[in-house]
Amino acid sequence: MKRFQESNKIVKLLKCCWYILLPIKWLLYSTIMKFKVFKDEIIDGEMQHTNQFNVIKGKKLWHLLKGDAQLRMGWYYTHEEVMEEMDNKVKKYKENESISG
């Protein structure tokens, strides 16, 4: 399966259908259902499931659902792309710092 960024326009359009579900899922989890994240504990060196959980709401829920949609679309970045973006941001930061300082 190709990455989203490498797909043609028709495939991108079809994959973007996952974004249509975002507001619906967000409303569903915000009103009717709860988006639960269960807490696990390490007991005697083993991971044990507990009945304690956190309920994710608001912006955090939106960002998690958006990330899930992008994962289903195959939208991810390679290590080289991430490092290049970070280098560009560091250069911009240093340029701004030298201009203002």
PDB file of N, CA and C in Angstrom:
ATOM      1  N   MET A   1       0.841  -1.184   0.000  1.00  0.00           N
ATOM      2  CA  MET A   1       0.000   0.000   0.000  1.00  0.00           C
ATOM      3  C   MET A   1       0.883   1.243   0.000  1.00  0.00           C
ATOM      4  N   LYS A   2       0.606   2.146  -0.919  1.00  0.00           N
ATOM      5  CA  LYS A   2       1.373   3.382  -0.997  1.00  0.00           C
ATOM      6  C   LYS A   2       0.999   4.321   0.139  1.00  0.00           C
ATOM      7  N   ARG A   3       1.960   5.184   0.466  1.00  0.00           N
ATOM      8  CA  ARG A   3       1.662   6.224   1.435  1.00  0.00           C
ATOM      9  C   ARG A   3       0.675   7.207   0.810  1.00  0.00           C
ATOM     10  N   PHE A   4      -0.032   7.927   1.660  1.00  0.00           N
ATOM     11  CA  PHE A   4      -0.998   8.921   1.188  1.00  0.00           C
ATOM     12  C   PHE A   4      -0.308   9.940   0.285  1.00  0.00           C
ATOM     13  N   GLN A   5       0.882  10.392   0.696  1.00  0.00           N
ATOM     14  CA  GLN A   5       1.592  11.438  -0.037  1.00  0.00           C
ATOM     15  C   GLN A   5       2.001  10.981  -1.438  1.00  0.00           C
ATOM     16  N   GLU A   6       2.158   9.688  -1.661  1.00  0.00           N
ATOM     17  CA  GLU A   6       2.597   9.159  -2.948  1.00  0.00           C
ATOM     18  C   GLU A   6       1.446   8.696  -3.833  1.00  0.00           C
ATOM     19  N   SER A   7       0.215   8.783  -3.352  1.00  0.00           N
ATOM     20  CA  SER A   7      -0.946   8.302  -4.100  1.00  0.00           C
ATOM     21  C   SER A   7      -1.386   9.331  -5.140  1.00  0.00           C
ATOM     22  N   ASN A   8      -2.140   8.861  -6.146  1.00  0.00           N
ATOM     23  CA  ASN A   8      -2.678   9.789  -7.134  1.00  0.00           C
ATOM     24  C   ASN A   8      -3.916  10.494  -6.564  1.00  0.00           C
ATOM     25  N   LYS A   9      -4.465  11.440  -7.312  1.00  0.00           N
ATOM     26  CA  LYS A   9      -5.555  12.287  -6.797  1.00  0.00           C
ATOM     27  C   LYS A   9      -6.824  11.494  -6.488  1.00  0.00           C
ATOM     28  N   ILE A  10      -7.122  10.499  -7.272  1.00  0.00           N
ATOM     29  CA  ILE A  10      -8.344   9.710  -7.049  1.00  0.00           C
ATOM     30  C   ILE A  10      -8.226   8.917  -5.749  1.00  0.00           C
ATOM     31  N   VAL A  11      -7.076   8.287  -5.531  1.00  0.00           N
ATOM     32  CA  VAL A  11      -6.866   7.512  -4.311  1.00  0.00           C
ATOM     33  C   VAL A  11      -6.876   8.435  -3.090  1.00  0.00           C
ATOM     34  N   LYS A  12      -6.263   9.618  -3.225  1.00  0.00           N
ATOM     35  CA  LYS A  12      -6.267  10.586  -2.119  1.00  0.00           C
ATOM     36  C   LYS A  12      -7.690  10.991  -1.764  1.00  0.00           C
ATOM     37  N   LEU A  13      -8.504  11.219  -2.794  1.00  0.00           N
ATOM     38  CA  LEU A  13      -9.894  11.602  -2.552  1.00  0.00           C
ATOM     39  C   LEU A  13     -10.639  10.499  -1.816  1.00  0.00           C
ATOM     40  N   LEU A  14     -10.442   9.256  -2.221  1.00  0.00           N
ATOM     41  CA  LEU A  14     -11.107   8.134  -1.552  1.00  0.00           C
ATOM     42  C   LEU A  14     -10.616   7.970  -0.112  1.00  0.00           C
ATOM     43  N   LYS A  15      -9.317   8.155   0.100  1.00  0.00           N
ATOM     44  CA  LYS A  15      -8.776   8.015   1.444  1.00  0.00           C
ATOM     45  C   LYS A  15      -9.244   9.136   2.364  1.00  0.00           C
ATOM     46  N   CYS A  16      -9.506  10.299   1.803  1.00  0.00           N
ATOM     47  CA  CYS A  16      -9.950  11.436   2.618  1.00  0.00           C
ATOM     48  C   CYS A  16     -11.355  11.223   3.189  1.00  0.00           C
ATOM     49  N   CYS A  17     -12.046  10.195   2.740  1.00  0.00           N
ATOM     50  CA  CYS A  17     -13.362   9.889   3.315  1.00  0.00           C
ATOM     51  C   CYS A  17     -13.270   9.611   4.814  1.00  0.00           C
ATOM     52  N   TRP A  18     -12.081   9.197   5.298  1.00  0.00           N
ATOM     53  CA  TRP A  18     -11.917   8.983   6.740  1.00  0.00           C
ATOM     54  C   TRP A  18     -12.100  10.289   7.502  1.00  0.00           C
ATOM     55  N   TYR A  19     -11.778  11.425   6.858  1.00  0.00           N
ATOM     56  CA  TYR A  19     -11.962  12.723   7.516  1.00  0.00           C
ATOM     57  C   TYR A  19     -13.439  13.064   7.685  1.00  0.00           C
ATOM     58  N   ILE A  20     -14.290  12.549   6.811  1.00  0.00           N
ATOM     59  CA  ILE A  20     -15.731  12.827   6.907  1.00  0.00           C
ATOM     60  C   ILE A  20     -16.288  12.274   8.214  1.00  0.00           C
ATOM     61  N   LEU A  21     -15.732  11.166   8.672  1.00  0.00           N
ATOM     62  CA  LEU A  21     -16.219  10.535   9.893  1.00  0.00           C
ATOM     63  C   LEU A  21     -15.764  11.250  11.175  1.00  0.00           C
ATOM     64  N   LEU A  22     -14.772  12.131  11.083  1.00  0.00           N
ATOM     65  CA  LEU A  22     -14.242  12.785  12.283  1.00  0.00           C
ATOM     66  C   LEU A  22     -15.302  13.494  13.120  1.00  0.00           C
ATOM     67  N   PRO A  23     -16.082  14.420  12.555  1.00  0.00           N
ATOM     68  CA  PRO A  23     -17.075  15.108  13.392  1.00  0.00           C
ATOM     69  C   PRO A  23     -18.127  14.167  13.969  1.00  0.00           C
ATOM     70  N   ILE A  24     -18.490  13.146  13.185  1.00  0.00           N
ATOM     71  CA  ILE A  24     -19.491  12.190  13.654  1.00  0.00           C
ATOM     72  C   ILE A  24     -18.955  11.392  14.837  1.00  0.00           C
ATOM     73  N   LYS A  25     -17.738  10.873  14.703  1.00  0.00           N
ATOM     74  CA  LYS A  25     -17.135  10.120  15.804  1.00  0.00           C
ATOM     75  C   LYS A  25     -16.938  11.004  17.034  1.00  0.00           C
ATOM     76  N   TRP A  26     -16.497  12.256  16.797  1.00  0.00           N
ATOM     77  CA  TRP A  26     -16.245  13.161  17.918  1.00  0.00           C
ATOM     78  C   TRP A  26     -17.541  13.430  18.688  1.00  0.00           C
ATOM     79  N   LEU A  27     -18.627  13.690  17.961  1.00  0.00           N
ATOM     80  CA  LEU A  27     -19.916  13.915  18.624  1.00  0.00           C
ATOM     81  C   LEU A  27     -20.393  12.662  19.350  1.00  0.00           C
ATOM     82  N   LEU A  28     -20.206  11.519  18.728  1.00  0.00           N
ATOM     83  CA  LEU A  28     -20.615  10.260  19.336  1.00  0.00           C
ATOM     84  C   LEU A  28     -19.874  10.023  20.653  1.00  0.00           C
ATOM     85  N   TYR A  29     -18.549  10.164  20.631  1.00  0.00           N
ATOM     86  CA  TYR A  29     -17.761   9.939  21.838  1.00  0.00           C
ATOM     87  C   TYR A  29     -17.919  11.057  22.866  1.00  0.00           C
ATOM     88  N   SER A  30     -18.299  12.251  22.436  1.00  0.00           N
ATOM     89  CA  SER A  30     -18.482  13.361  23.375  1.00  0.00           C
ATOM     90  C   SER A  30     -19.834  13.328  24.067  1.00  0.00           C
ATOM     91  N   THR A  31     -20.843  12.738  23.430  1.00  0.00           N
ATOM     92  CA  THR A  31     -22.191  12.785  23.997  1.00  0.00           C
ATOM     93  C   THR A  31     -22.694  11.422  24.469  1.00  0.00           C
ATOM     94  N   ILE A  32     -22.765  10.457  23.578  1.00  0.00           N
ATOM     95  CA  ILE A  32     -23.403   9.184  23.895  1.00  0.00           C
ATOM     96  C   ILE A  32     -22.437   8.200  24.548  1.00  0.00           C
ATOM     97  N   MET A  33     -21.313   7.969  23.906  1.00  0.00           N
ATOM     98  CA  MET A  33     -20.348   6.992  24.399  1.00  0.00           C
ATOM     99  C   MET A  33     -19.187   7.709  25.086  1.00  0.00           C
ATOM    100  N   LYS A  34     -18.318   6.953  25.719  1.00  0.00           N
ATOM    101  CA  LYS A  34     -17.113   7.513  26.320  1.00  0.00           C
ATOM    102  C   LYS A  34     -15.901   6.868  25.671  1.00  0.00           C
ATOM    103  N   PHE A  35     -14.906   7.676  25.357  1.00  0.00           N
ATOM    104  CA  PHE A  35     -13.644   7.167  24.820  1.00  0.00           C
ATOM    105  C   PHE A  35     -12.757   6.872  26.016  1.00  0.00           C
ATOM    106  N   LYS A  36     -12.689   5.609  26.400  1.00  0.00           N
ATOM    107  CA  LYS A  36     -11.980   5.212  27.624  1.00  0.00           C
ATOM    108  C   LYS A  36     -10.584   4.696  27.297  1.00  0.00           C
ATOM    109  N   VAL A  37      -9.629   5.144  28.096  1.00  0.00           N
ATOM    110  CA  VAL A  37      -8.265   4.634  28.023  1.00  0.00           C
ATOM    111  C   VAL A  37      -7.979   3.989  29.367  1.00  0.00           C
ATOM    112  N   PHE A  38      -7.842   2.671  29.361  1.00  0.00           N
ATOM    113  CA  PHE A  38      -7.658   1.943  30.609  1.00  0.00           C
ATOM    114  C   PHE A  38      -6.225   2.053  31.102  1.00  0.00           C
ATOM    115  N   LYS A  39      -6.083   2.108  32.425  1.00  0.00           N
ATOM    116  CA  LYS A  39      -4.772   2.166  33.054  1.00  0.00           C
ATOM    117  C   LYS A  39      -4.309   0.748  33.364  1.00  0.00           C
ATOM    118  N   ASP A  40      -3.094   0.442  33.010  1.00  0.00           N
ATOM    119  CA  ASP A  40      -2.501  -0.846  33.354  1.00  0.00           C
ATOM    120  C   ASP A  40      -1.395  -0.601  34.376  1.00  0.00           C
ATOM    121  N   GLU A  41      -1.177  -1.560  35.242  1.00  0.00           N
ATOM    122  CA  GLU A  41      -0.141  -1.452  36.265  1.00  0.00           C
ATOM    123  C   GLU A  41       0.789  -2.649  36.167  1.00  0.00           C
ATOM    124  N   ILE A  42       2.031  -2.429  36.584  1.00  0.00           N
ATOM    125  CA  ILE A  42       2.987  -3.527  36.649  1.00  0.00           C
ATOM    126  C   ILE A  42       2.937  -4.096  38.061  1.00  0.00           C
ATOM    127  N   ILE A  43       2.485  -5.337  38.167  1.00  0.00           N
ATOM    128  CA  ILE A  43       2.376  -6.028  39.450  1.00  0.00           C
ATOM    129  C   ILE A  43       3.207  -7.304  39.357  1.00  0.00           C
ATOM    130  N   ASP A  44       4.142  -7.455  40.265  1.00  0.00           N
ATOM    131  CA  ASP A  44       5.043  -8.620  40.276  1.00  0.00           C
ATOM    132  C   ASP A  44       5.773  -8.787  38.946  1.00  0.00           C
ATOM    133  N   GLY A  45       6.163  -7.678  38.331  1.00  0.00           N
ATOM    134  CA  GLY A  45       6.919  -7.723  37.088  1.00  0.00           C
ATOM    135  C   GLY A  45       6.096  -8.005  35.845  1.00  0.00           C
ATOM    136  N   GLU A  46       4.775  -8.108  35.989  1.00  0.00           N
ATOM    137  CA  GLU A  46       3.911  -8.363  34.839  1.00  0.00           C
ATOM    138  C   GLU A  46       2.888  -7.240  34.698  1.00  0.00           C
ATOM    139  N   MET A  47       2.539  -6.942  33.451  1.00  0.00           N
ATOM    140  CA  MET A  47       1.535  -5.918  33.179  1.00  0.00           C
ATOM    141  C   MET A  47       0.159  -6.483  33.494  1.00  0.00           C
ATOM    142  N   GLN A  48      -0.564  -5.825  34.391  1.00  0.00           N
ATOM    143  CA  GLN A  48      -1.895  -6.276  34.799  1.00  0.00           C
ATOM    144  C   GLN A  48      -2.928  -5.230  34.398  1.00  0.00           C
ATOM    145  N   HIS A  49      -4.026  -5.692  33.839  1.00  0.00           N
ATOM    146  CA  HIS A  49      -5.130  -4.806  33.459  1.00  0.00           C
ATOM    147  C   HIS A  49      -5.921  -4.429  34.717  1.00  0.00           C
ATOM    148  N   THR A  50      -6.273  -3.149  34.839  1.00  0.00           N
ATOM    149  CA  THR A  50      -7.089  -2.694  35.961  1.00  0.00           C
ATOM    150  C   THR A  50      -8.423  -2.177  35.426  1.00  0.00           C
ATOM    151  N   ASN A  51      -9.362  -1.938  36.308  1.00  0.00           N
ATOM    152  CA  ASN A  51     -10.656  -1.396  35.901  1.00  0.00           C
ATOM    153  C   ASN A  51     -10.675   0.128  35.949  1.00  0.00           C
ATOM    154  N   GLN A  52      -9.534   0.751  36.254  1.00  0.00           N
ATOM    155  CA  GLN A  52      -9.450   2.210  36.273  1.00  0.00           C
ATOM    156  C   GLN A  52      -9.226   2.708  34.847  1.00  0.00           C
ATOM    157  N   PHE A  53      -9.832   3.854  34.532  1.00  0.00           N
ATOM    158  CA  PHE A  53      -9.664   4.398  33.189  1.00  0.00           C
ATOM    159  C   PHE A  53      -9.780   5.913  33.210  1.00  0.00           C
ATOM    160  N   ASN A  54      -9.255   6.526  32.179  1.00  0.00           N
ATOM    161  CA  ASN A  54      -9.419   7.960  31.926  1.00  0.00           C
ATOM    162  C   ASN A  54     -10.376   8.121  30.755  1.00  0.00           C
ATOM    163  N   VAL A  55     -11.209   9.151  30.803  1.00  0.00           N
ATOM    164  CA  VAL A  55     -12.109   9.453  29.694  1.00  0.00           C
ATOM    165  C   VAL A  55     -11.505  10.629  28.930  1.00  0.00           C
ATOM    166  N   ILE A  56     -11.279  10.423  27.647  1.00  0.00           N
ATOM    167  CA  ILE A  56     -10.683  11.451  26.795  1.00  0.00           C
ATOM    168  C   ILE A  56     -11.808  12.296  26.205  1.00  0.00           C
ATOM    169  N   LYS A  57     -11.668  13.638  26.318  1.00  0.00           N
ATOM    170  CA  LYS A  57     -12.694  14.559  25.807  1.00  0.00           C
ATOM    171  C   LYS A  57     -12.046  15.721  25.072  1.00  0.00           C
ATOM    172  N   GLY A  58     -12.875  16.515  24.425  1.00  0.00           N
ATOM    173  CA  GLY A  58     -12.465  17.793  23.838  1.00  0.00           C
ATOM    174  C   GLY A  58     -11.396  17.684  22.771  1.00  0.00           C
ATOM    175  N   LYS A  59     -10.403  18.597  22.868  1.00  0.00           N
ATOM    176  CA  LYS A  59      -9.354  18.671  21.855  1.00  0.00           C
ATOM    177  C   LYS A  59      -8.525  17.402  21.788  1.00  0.00           C
ATOM    178  N   LYS A  60      -8.252  16.802  22.946  1.00  0.00           N
ATOM    179  CA  LYS A  60      -7.453  15.575  22.947  1.00  0.00           C
ATOM    180  C   LYS A  60      -8.156  14.471  22.175  1.00  0.00           C
ATOM    181  N   LEU A  61      -9.465  14.368  22.351  1.00  0.00           N
ATOM    182  CA  LEU A  61     -10.241  13.365  21.622  1.00  0.00           C
ATOM    183  C   LEU A  61     -10.182  13.647  20.125  1.00  0.00           C
ATOM    184  N   TRP A  62     -10.332  14.913  19.730  1.00  0.00           N
ATOM    185  CA  TRP A  62     -10.285  15.288  18.315  1.00  0.00           C
ATOM    186  C   TRP A  62      -8.938  14.899  17.713  1.00  0.00           C
ATOM    187  N   HIS A  63      -7.842  15.205  18.434  1.00  0.00           N
ATOM    188  CA  HIS A  63      -6.510  14.891  17.919  1.00  0.00           C
ATOM    189  C   HIS A  63      -6.287  13.377  17.805  1.00  0.00           C
ATOM    190  N   LEU A  64      -6.785  12.606  18.753  1.00  0.00           N
ATOM    191  CA  LEU A  64      -6.665  11.148  18.672  1.00  0.00           C
ATOM    192  C   LEU A  64      -7.447  10.592  17.484  1.00  0.00           C
ATOM    193  N   LEU A  65      -8.654  11.098  17.288  1.00  0.00           N
ATOM    194  CA  LEU A  65      -9.471  10.629  16.161  1.00  0.00           C
ATOM    195  C   LEU A  65      -8.853  11.039  14.824  1.00  0.00           C
ATOM    196  N   LYS A  66      -8.282  12.238  14.775  1.00  0.00           N
ATOM    197  CA  LYS A  66      -7.611  12.700  13.559  1.00  0.00           C
ATOM    198  C   LYS A  66      -6.395  11.815  13.262  1.00  0.00           C
ATOM    199  N   GLY A  67      -5.623  11.485  14.291  1.00  0.00           N
ATOM    200  CA  GLY A  67      -4.480  10.595  14.115  1.00  0.00           C
ATOM    201  C   GLY A  67      -4.901   9.217  13.644  1.00  0.00           C
ATOM    202  N   ASP A  68      -6.011   8.720  14.172  1.00  0.00           N
ATOM    203  CA  ASP A  68      -6.533   7.425  13.742  1.00  0.00           C
ATOM    204  C   ASP A  68      -6.928   7.475  12.264  1.00  0.00           C
ATOM    205  N   ALA A  69      -7.578   8.550  11.845  1.00  0.00           N
ATOM    206  CA  ALA A  69      -7.973   8.688  10.441  1.00  0.00           C
ATOM    207  C   ALA A  69      -6.741   8.748   9.541  1.00  0.00           C
ATOM    208  N   GLN A  70      -5.730   9.495   9.957  1.00  0.00           N
ATOM    209  CA  GLN A  70      -4.521   9.597   9.136  1.00  0.00           C
ATOM    210  C   GLN A  70      -3.788   8.266   9.061  1.00  0.00           C
ATOM    211  N   LEU A  71      -3.811   7.498  10.133  1.00  0.00           N
ATOM    212  CA  LEU A  71      -3.196   6.176  10.106  1.00  0.00           C
ATOM    213  C   LEU A  71      -3.923   5.259   9.132  1.00  0.00           C
ATOM    214  N   ARG A  72      -5.240   5.307   9.133  1.00  0.00           N
ATOM    215  CA  ARG A  72      -6.034   4.487   8.212  1.00  0.00           C
ATOM    216  C   ARG A  72      -5.832   4.914   6.754  1.00  0.00           C
ATOM    217  N   MET A  73      -5.520   6.203   6.560  1.00  0.00           N
ATOM    218  CA  MET A  73      -5.279   6.716   5.211  1.00  0.00           C
ATOM    219  C   MET A  73      -3.875   6.377   4.715  1.00  0.00           C
ATOM    220  N   GLY A  74      -3.009   5.914   5.600  1.00  0.00           N
ATOM    221  CA  GLY A  74      -1.630   5.647   5.216  1.00  0.00           C
ATOM    222  C   GLY A  74      -0.798   6.915   5.203  1.00  0.00           C
ATOM    223  N   TRP A  75      -1.189   7.895   6.012  1.00  0.00           N
ATOM    224  CA  TRP A  75      -0.527   9.181   6.049  1.00  0.00           C
ATOM    225  C   TRP A  75       0.541   9.141   7.137  1.00  0.00           C
ATOM    226  N   TYR A  76       1.770   8.908   6.731  1.00  0.00           N
ATOM    227  CA  TYR A  76       2.868   8.903   7.680  1.00  0.00           C
ATOM    228  C   TYR A  76       4.106   9.452   6.990  1.00  0.00           C
ATOM    229  N   TYR A  77       5.093   9.781   7.784  1.00  0.00           N
ATOM    230  CA  TYR A  77       6.315  10.384   7.272  1.00  0.00           C
ATOM    231  C   TYR A  77       7.495   9.465   7.507  1.00  0.00           C
ATOM    232  N   THR A  78       8.459   9.531   6.601  1.00  0.00           N
ATOM    233  CA  THR A  78       9.680   8.749   6.771  1.00  0.00           C
ATOM    234  C   THR A  78      10.606   9.472   7.741  1.00  0.00           C
ATOM    235  N   HIS A  79      11.601   8.762   8.226  1.00  0.00           N
ATOM    236  CA  HIS A  79      12.571   9.339   9.149  1.00  0.00           C
ATOM    237  C   HIS A  79      13.291  10.533   8.502  1.00  0.00           C
ATOM    238  N   GLU A  80      13.636  10.397   7.241  1.00  0.00           N
ATOM    239  CA  GLU A  80      14.339  11.466   6.532  1.00  0.00           C
ATOM    240  C   GLU A  80      13.479  12.731   6.431  1.00  0.00           C
ATOM    241  N   GLU A  81      12.185  12.566   6.156  1.00  0.00           N
ATOM    242  CA  GLU A  81      11.282  13.723   6.067  1.00  0.00           C
ATOM    243  C   GLU A  81      11.168  14.435   7.411  1.00  0.00           C
ATOM    244  N   VAL A  82      11.083  13.671   8.475  1.00  0.00           N
ATOM    245  CA  VAL A  82      10.973  14.267   9.810  1.00  0.00           C
ATOM    246  C   VAL A  82      12.248  15.013  10.162  1.00  0.00           C
ATOM    247  N   MET A  83      13.411  14.404   9.910  1.00  0.00           N
ATOM    248  CA  MET A  83      14.686  15.047  10.233  1.00  0.00           C
ATOM    249  C   MET A  83      14.889  16.313   9.404  1.00  0.00           C
ATOM    250  N   GLU A  84      14.496  16.279   8.139  1.00  0.00           N
ATOM    251  CA  GLU A  84      14.611  17.459   7.282  1.00  0.00           C
ATOM    252  C   GLU A  84      13.736  18.601   7.814  1.00  0.00           C
ATOM    253  N   GLU A  85      12.519  18.276   8.212  1.00  0.00           N
ATOM    254  CA  GLU A  85      11.609  19.289   8.761  1.00  0.00           C
ATOM    255  C   GLU A  85      12.163  19.878  10.061  1.00  0.00           C
ATOM    256  N   MET A  86      12.722  19.016  10.906  1.00  0.00           N
ATOM    257  CA  MET A  86      13.304  19.500  12.161  1.00  0.00           C
ATOM    258  C   MET A  86      14.507  20.403  11.896  1.00  0.00           C
ATOM    259  N   ASP A  87      15.356  20.031  10.943  1.00  0.00           N
ATOM    260  CA  ASP A  87      16.512  20.862  10.597  1.00  0.00           C
ATOM    261  C   ASP A  87      16.069  22.227  10.090  1.00  0.00           C
ATOM    262  N   ASN A  88      15.024  22.254   9.260  1.00  0.00           N
ATOM    263  CA  ASN A  88      14.509  23.527   8.751  1.00  0.00           C
ATOM    264  C   ASN A  88      13.999  24.413   9.881  1.00  0.00           C
ATOM    265  N   LYS A  89      13.299  23.809  10.839  1.00  0.00           N
ATOM    266  CA  LYS A  89      12.776  24.597  11.964  1.00  0.00           C
ATOM    267  C   LYS A  89      13.903  25.122  12.846  1.00  0.00           C
ATOM    268  N   VAL A  90      14.946  24.332  13.032  1.00  0.00           N
ATOM    269  CA  VAL A  90      16.088  24.775  13.834  1.00  0.00           C
ATOM    270  C   VAL A  90      16.787  25.938  13.137  1.00  0.00           C
ATOM    271  N   LYS A  91      16.948  25.854  11.827  1.00  0.00           N
ATOM    272  CA  LYS A  91      17.570  26.943  11.070  1.00  0.00           C
ATOM    273  C   LYS A  91      16.757  28.222  11.177  1.00  0.00           C
ATOM    274  N   LYS A  92      15.430  28.121  11.033  1.00  0.00           N
ATOM    275  CA  LYS A  92      14.571  29.298  11.152  1.00  0.00           C
ATOM    276  C   LYS A  92      14.659  29.905  12.549  1.00  0.00           C
ATOM    277  N   TYR A  93      14.689  29.048  13.559  1.00  0.00           N
ATOM    278  CA  TYR A  93      14.782  29.520  14.939  1.00  0.00           C
ATOM    279  C   TYR A  93      16.092  30.268  15.148  1.00  0.00           C
ATOM    280  N   LYS A  94      17.200  29.723  14.648  1.00  0.00           N
ATOM    281  CA  LYS A  94      18.505  30.371  14.814  1.00  0.00           C
ATOM    282  C   LYS A  94      18.559  31.701  14.061  1.00  0.00           C
ATOM    283  N   GLU A  95      17.964  31.743  12.851  1.00  0.00           N
ATOM    284  CA  GLU A  95      17.917  32.985  12.086  1.00  0.00           C
ATOM    285  C   GLU A  95      17.123  34.054  12.826  1.00  0.00           C
ATOM    286  N   ASN A  96      15.974  33.698  13.355  1.00  0.00           N
ATOM    287  CA  ASN A  96      15.149  34.646  14.109  1.00  0.00           C
ATOM    288  C   ASN A  96      15.850  35.094  15.373  1.00  0.00           C
ATOM    289  N   GLU A  97      16.573  34.194  16.022  1.00  0.00           N
ATOM    290  CA  GLU A  97      17.273  34.522  17.245  1.00  0.00           C
ATOM    291  C   GLU A  97      18.424  35.488  16.964  1.00  0.00           C
ATOM    292  N   SER A  98      19.134  35.279  15.856  1.00  0.00           N
ATOM    293  CA  SER A  98      20.261  36.158  15.504  1.00  0.00           C
ATOM    294  C   SER A  98      19.770  37.541  15.071  1.00  0.00           C
ATOM    295  N   ILE A  99      18.607  37.607  14.427  1.00  0.00           N
ATOM    296  CA  ILE A  99      18.039  38.894  13.990  1.00  0.00           C
ATOM    297  C   ILE A  99      17.563  39.700  15.193  1.00  0.00           C
ATOM    298  N   SER A 100      16.863  39.039  16.109  1.00  0.00           N
ATOM    299  CA  SER A 100      16.308  39.755  17.275  1.00  0.00           C
ATOM    300  C   SER A 100      17.345  39.987  18.353  1.00  0.00           C
ATOM    301  N   GLY A 101      18.398  39.183  18.399  1.00  0.00           N
ATOM    302  CA  GLY A 101      19.390  39.265  19.471  1.00  0.00           C
ATOM    303  C   GLY A 101      20.563  40.036  19.082  1.00  0.00           C
TER     304      GLY A 101
END
